[in-house]
Structure formats: structure tokens, C-alpha cells
Amino acid sequence: MTRTLLHIDAAACAHHDGDSEQAYRRTIAALTALPDGYRIGLVHQRTQDLYEAIPARHHHEPAVRELRDVLAV
């Protein structure tokens, strides 16, 4: 789980630096590599924080929709 948190944090930094598409893809890859039972707590919260930082105008983009779907599992 620690490695996953590091990937999510790196993705959040990429998002902050303007590479949002790559940030979403990295986060999706990190989450889907975990068993469902580990996508809770801090992992879920950090991913949710990243998702909430996405401007609404981008919510129609495929990567953002995929991130939302992964969060819903």
C-alpha cells in the first residue's frame, strides 16, 4: 500500500504541474494494481482528493470518467 500511496502522491504532483492526463492514468494504474480490499482508507481518500481537484470542465474526459469509476468500486 505504501508504494500505491507514493504513486498517488506523485500523480497529484503531476496534476499540480499541469500534466493532468498522466496524473489520472498513473492513479488509475496504481489503484487497479491493488486488490479491492486495499482501496480503502488513506488510499481512497488521497484518490478522492485528486479527483475533487479536477475542474468540472474536465469531468467528461475519458481518463477522468475512468478514475471516477475506479473510485466507485
N, C-alpha and C. Protein backbone atom coordinates (compact mmCIF):
# COMPACT_ATOMS: atom_id res chain seq x y z
N MET A 1 0.81 -1.19 0.00
CA MET A 1 0.00 0.00 0.00
C MET A 1 0.86 1.26 0.00
N THR A 2 1.99 1.22 0.65
CA THR A 2 2.87 2.39 0.69
C THR A 2 3.28 2.81 -0.71
N ARG A 3 3.62 1.84 -1.52
CA ARG A 3 4.02 2.13 -2.90
C ARG A 3 2.86 2.79 -3.67
N THR A 4 1.66 2.31 -3.44
CA THR A 4 0.48 2.89 -4.09
C THR A 4 0.30 4.34 -3.66
N LEU A 5 0.44 4.61 -2.38
CA LEU A 5 0.32 5.99 -1.89
C LEU A 5 1.37 6.89 -2.51
N LEU A 6 2.58 6.38 -2.68
CA LEU A 6 3.62 7.17 -3.32
C LEU A 6 3.28 7.47 -4.78
N HIS A 7 2.69 6.50 -5.47
CA HIS A 7 2.27 6.71 -6.86
C HIS A 7 1.15 7.75 -6.94
N ILE A 8 0.21 7.67 -6.00
CA ILE A 8 -0.89 8.64 -5.99
C ILE A 8 -0.36 10.03 -5.67
N ASP A 9 0.57 10.14 -4.74
CA ASP A 9 1.16 11.44 -4.42
C ASP A 9 1.93 12.01 -5.61
N ALA A 10 2.67 11.16 -6.30
CA ALA A 10 3.39 11.61 -7.49
C ALA A 10 2.41 12.06 -8.57
N ALA A 11 1.30 11.35 -8.70
CA ALA A 11 0.28 11.75 -9.67
C ALA A 11 -0.32 13.10 -9.29
N ALA A 12 -0.56 13.32 -8.01
CA ALA A 12 -1.09 14.62 -7.57
C ALA A 12 -0.12 15.74 -7.90
N CYS A 13 1.17 15.48 -7.75
CA CYS A 13 2.18 16.48 -8.12
C CYS A 13 2.15 16.74 -9.63
N ALA A 14 2.02 15.67 -10.41
CA ALA A 14 1.94 15.83 -11.87
C ALA A 14 0.71 16.65 -12.24
N HIS A 15 -0.39 16.40 -11.58
CA HIS A 15 -1.62 17.17 -11.83
C HIS A 15 -1.39 18.65 -11.49
N HIS A 16 -0.77 18.88 -10.36
CA HIS A 16 -0.47 20.25 -9.94
C HIS A 16 0.44 20.95 -10.94
N ASP A 17 1.36 20.20 -11.54
CA ASP A 17 2.30 20.76 -12.51
C ASP A 17 1.72 20.88 -13.92
N GLY A 18 0.46 20.47 -14.08
CA GLY A 18 -0.21 20.64 -15.37
C GLY A 18 -0.29 19.40 -16.24
N ASP A 19 0.25 18.29 -15.79
CA ASP A 19 0.19 17.05 -16.58
C ASP A 19 -0.95 16.18 -16.06
N SER A 20 -2.15 16.70 -16.16
CA SER A 20 -3.31 16.06 -15.55
C SER A 20 -3.63 14.70 -16.16
N GLU A 21 -3.62 14.59 -17.46
CA GLU A 21 -3.94 13.32 -18.11
C GLU A 21 -3.04 12.20 -17.58
N GLN A 22 -1.76 12.47 -17.51
CA GLN A 22 -0.81 11.48 -16.99
C GLN A 22 -1.09 11.19 -15.52
N ALA A 23 -1.46 12.19 -14.77
CA ALA A 23 -1.78 12.01 -13.35
C ALA A 23 -2.95 11.05 -13.18
N TYR A 24 -4.00 11.24 -13.97
CA TYR A 24 -5.16 10.36 -13.86
C TYR A 24 -4.79 8.94 -14.23
N ARG A 25 -4.04 8.79 -15.31
CA ARG A 25 -3.63 7.44 -15.76
C ARG A 25 -2.78 6.74 -14.70
N ARG A 26 -1.84 7.48 -14.10
CA ARG A 26 -0.97 6.88 -13.07
C ARG A 26 -1.79 6.46 -11.86
N THR A 27 -2.76 7.27 -11.49
CA THR A 27 -3.59 6.94 -10.33
C THR A 27 -4.45 5.72 -10.61
N ILE A 28 -5.03 5.66 -11.79
CA ILE A 28 -5.84 4.50 -12.17
C ILE A 28 -5.00 3.24 -12.15
N ALA A 29 -3.81 3.30 -12.71
CA ALA A 29 -2.92 2.14 -12.73
C ALA A 29 -2.55 1.70 -11.31
N ALA A 30 -2.27 2.66 -10.44
CA ALA A 30 -1.90 2.34 -9.06
C ALA A 30 -3.07 1.67 -8.33
N LEU A 31 -4.26 2.20 -8.52
CA LEU A 31 -5.43 1.64 -7.84
C LEU A 31 -5.81 0.27 -8.36
N THR A 32 -5.80 0.10 -9.66
CA THR A 32 -6.22 -1.18 -10.22
C THR A 32 -5.20 -2.28 -9.95
N ALA A 33 -4.00 -1.92 -9.58
CA ALA A 33 -3.00 -2.92 -9.21
C ALA A 33 -3.24 -3.47 -7.80
N LEU A 34 -4.06 -2.78 -7.02
CA LEU A 34 -4.38 -3.23 -5.67
C LEU A 34 -5.62 -4.11 -5.65
N PRO A 35 -5.66 -5.07 -4.74
CA PRO A 35 -6.92 -5.79 -4.53
C PRO A 35 -7.98 -4.81 -4.01
N ASP A 36 -9.24 -5.08 -4.30
CA ASP A 36 -10.32 -4.19 -3.90
C ASP A 36 -10.29 -3.84 -2.42
N GLY A 37 -9.96 -4.78 -1.58
CA GLY A 37 -9.94 -4.57 -0.13
C GLY A 37 -8.92 -3.55 0.34
N TYR A 38 -7.97 -3.21 -0.51
CA TYR A 38 -6.93 -2.25 -0.14
C TYR A 38 -7.21 -0.85 -0.69
N ARG A 39 -8.30 -0.69 -1.39
CA ARG A 39 -8.66 0.61 -1.96
C ARG A 39 -9.55 1.39 -0.99
N ILE A 40 -9.19 1.34 0.26
CA ILE A 40 -9.99 2.00 1.30
C ILE A 40 -9.10 2.93 2.09
N GLY A 41 -9.68 3.61 3.05
CA GLY A 41 -8.91 4.44 3.96
C GLY A 41 -8.12 5.52 3.26
N LEU A 42 -6.85 5.59 3.60
CA LEU A 42 -5.98 6.64 3.09
C LEU A 42 -5.81 6.58 1.58
N VAL A 43 -5.73 5.39 1.03
CA VAL A 43 -5.61 5.23 -0.43
C VAL A 43 -6.84 5.85 -1.11
N HIS A 44 -8.01 5.51 -0.62
CA HIS A 44 -9.23 6.06 -1.20
C HIS A 44 -9.30 7.57 -1.01
N GLN A 45 -8.94 8.05 0.18
CA GLN A 45 -9.02 9.48 0.46
C GLN A 45 -8.08 10.29 -0.43
N ARG A 46 -6.87 9.83 -0.62
CA ARG A 46 -5.94 10.57 -1.49
C ARG A 46 -6.41 10.57 -2.93
N THR A 47 -6.98 9.46 -3.36
CA THR A 47 -7.51 9.41 -4.71
C THR A 47 -8.72 10.33 -4.84
N GLN A 48 -9.58 10.33 -3.84
CA GLN A 48 -10.74 11.21 -3.83
C GLN A 48 -10.30 12.68 -3.85
N ASP A 49 -9.27 13.01 -3.09
CA ASP A 49 -8.75 14.38 -3.08
C ASP A 49 -8.28 14.80 -4.47
N LEU A 50 -7.59 13.89 -5.16
CA LEU A 50 -7.13 14.19 -6.51
C LEU A 50 -8.33 14.39 -7.43
N TYR A 51 -9.31 13.51 -7.33
CA TYR A 51 -10.50 13.63 -8.18
C TYR A 51 -11.21 14.96 -7.93
N GLU A 52 -11.33 15.35 -6.69
CA GLU A 52 -12.01 16.61 -6.36
C GLU A 52 -11.23 17.83 -6.83
N ALA A 53 -9.94 17.68 -7.07
CA ALA A 53 -9.12 18.79 -7.56
C ALA A 53 -9.26 19.00 -9.07
N ILE A 54 -9.93 18.07 -9.73
CA ILE A 54 -10.11 18.15 -11.18
C ILE A 54 -11.23 19.16 -11.47
N PRO A 55 -10.95 20.17 -12.26
CA PRO A 55 -12.01 21.12 -12.62
C PRO A 55 -13.17 20.42 -13.32
N ALA A 56 -14.37 20.87 -13.04
CA ALA A 56 -15.58 20.25 -13.58
C ALA A 56 -15.57 20.19 -15.11
N ARG A 57 -14.92 21.13 -15.75
CA ARG A 57 -14.91 21.14 -17.22
C ARG A 57 -14.18 19.93 -17.80
N HIS A 58 -13.42 19.21 -16.98
CA HIS A 58 -12.68 18.04 -17.45
C HIS A 58 -13.39 16.72 -17.12
N HIS A 59 -14.50 16.78 -16.42
CA HIS A 59 -15.17 15.56 -15.97
C HIS A 59 -15.71 14.70 -17.11
N HIS A 60 -15.81 15.24 -18.30
CA HIS A 60 -16.28 14.46 -19.45
C HIS A 60 -15.16 13.67 -20.13
N GLU A 61 -13.92 13.96 -19.78
CA GLU A 61 -12.78 13.29 -20.42
C GLU A 61 -12.71 11.82 -20.00
N PRO A 62 -12.33 10.94 -20.92
CA PRO A 62 -12.31 9.51 -20.63
C PRO A 62 -11.49 9.13 -19.39
N ALA A 63 -10.32 9.70 -19.23
CA ALA A 63 -9.48 9.34 -18.08
C ALA A 63 -10.13 9.75 -16.76
N VAL A 64 -10.80 10.88 -16.76
CA VAL A 64 -11.45 11.35 -15.54
C VAL A 64 -12.65 10.46 -15.22
N ARG A 65 -13.41 10.09 -16.24
CA ARG A 65 -14.54 9.18 -16.02
C ARG A 65 -14.05 7.82 -15.51
N GLU A 66 -12.93 7.36 -16.06
CA GLU A 66 -12.37 6.08 -15.61
C GLU A 66 -11.91 6.18 -14.16
N LEU A 67 -11.30 7.28 -13.79
CA LEU A 67 -10.87 7.49 -12.40
C LEU A 67 -12.10 7.48 -11.48
N ARG A 68 -13.15 8.16 -11.87
CA ARG A 68 -14.38 8.18 -11.08
C ARG A 68 -14.92 6.76 -10.91
N ASP A 69 -14.90 5.97 -12.00
CA ASP A 69 -15.41 4.62 -11.93
C ASP A 69 -14.57 3.74 -11.01
N VAL A 70 -13.26 3.91 -11.04
CA VAL A 70 -12.38 3.14 -10.16
C VAL A 70 -12.64 3.51 -8.70
N LEU A 71 -12.90 4.79 -8.45
CA LEU A 71 -13.21 5.23 -7.10
C LEU A 71 -14.53 4.62 -6.59
N ALA A 72 -15.45 4.40 -7.49
CA ALA A 72 -16.77 3.90 -7.11
C ALA A 72 -16.76 2.42 -6.71
N VAL A 73 -15.70 1.71 -7.06
CA VAL A 73 -15.64 0.27 -6.76
C VAL A 73 -15.40 0.06 -5.30
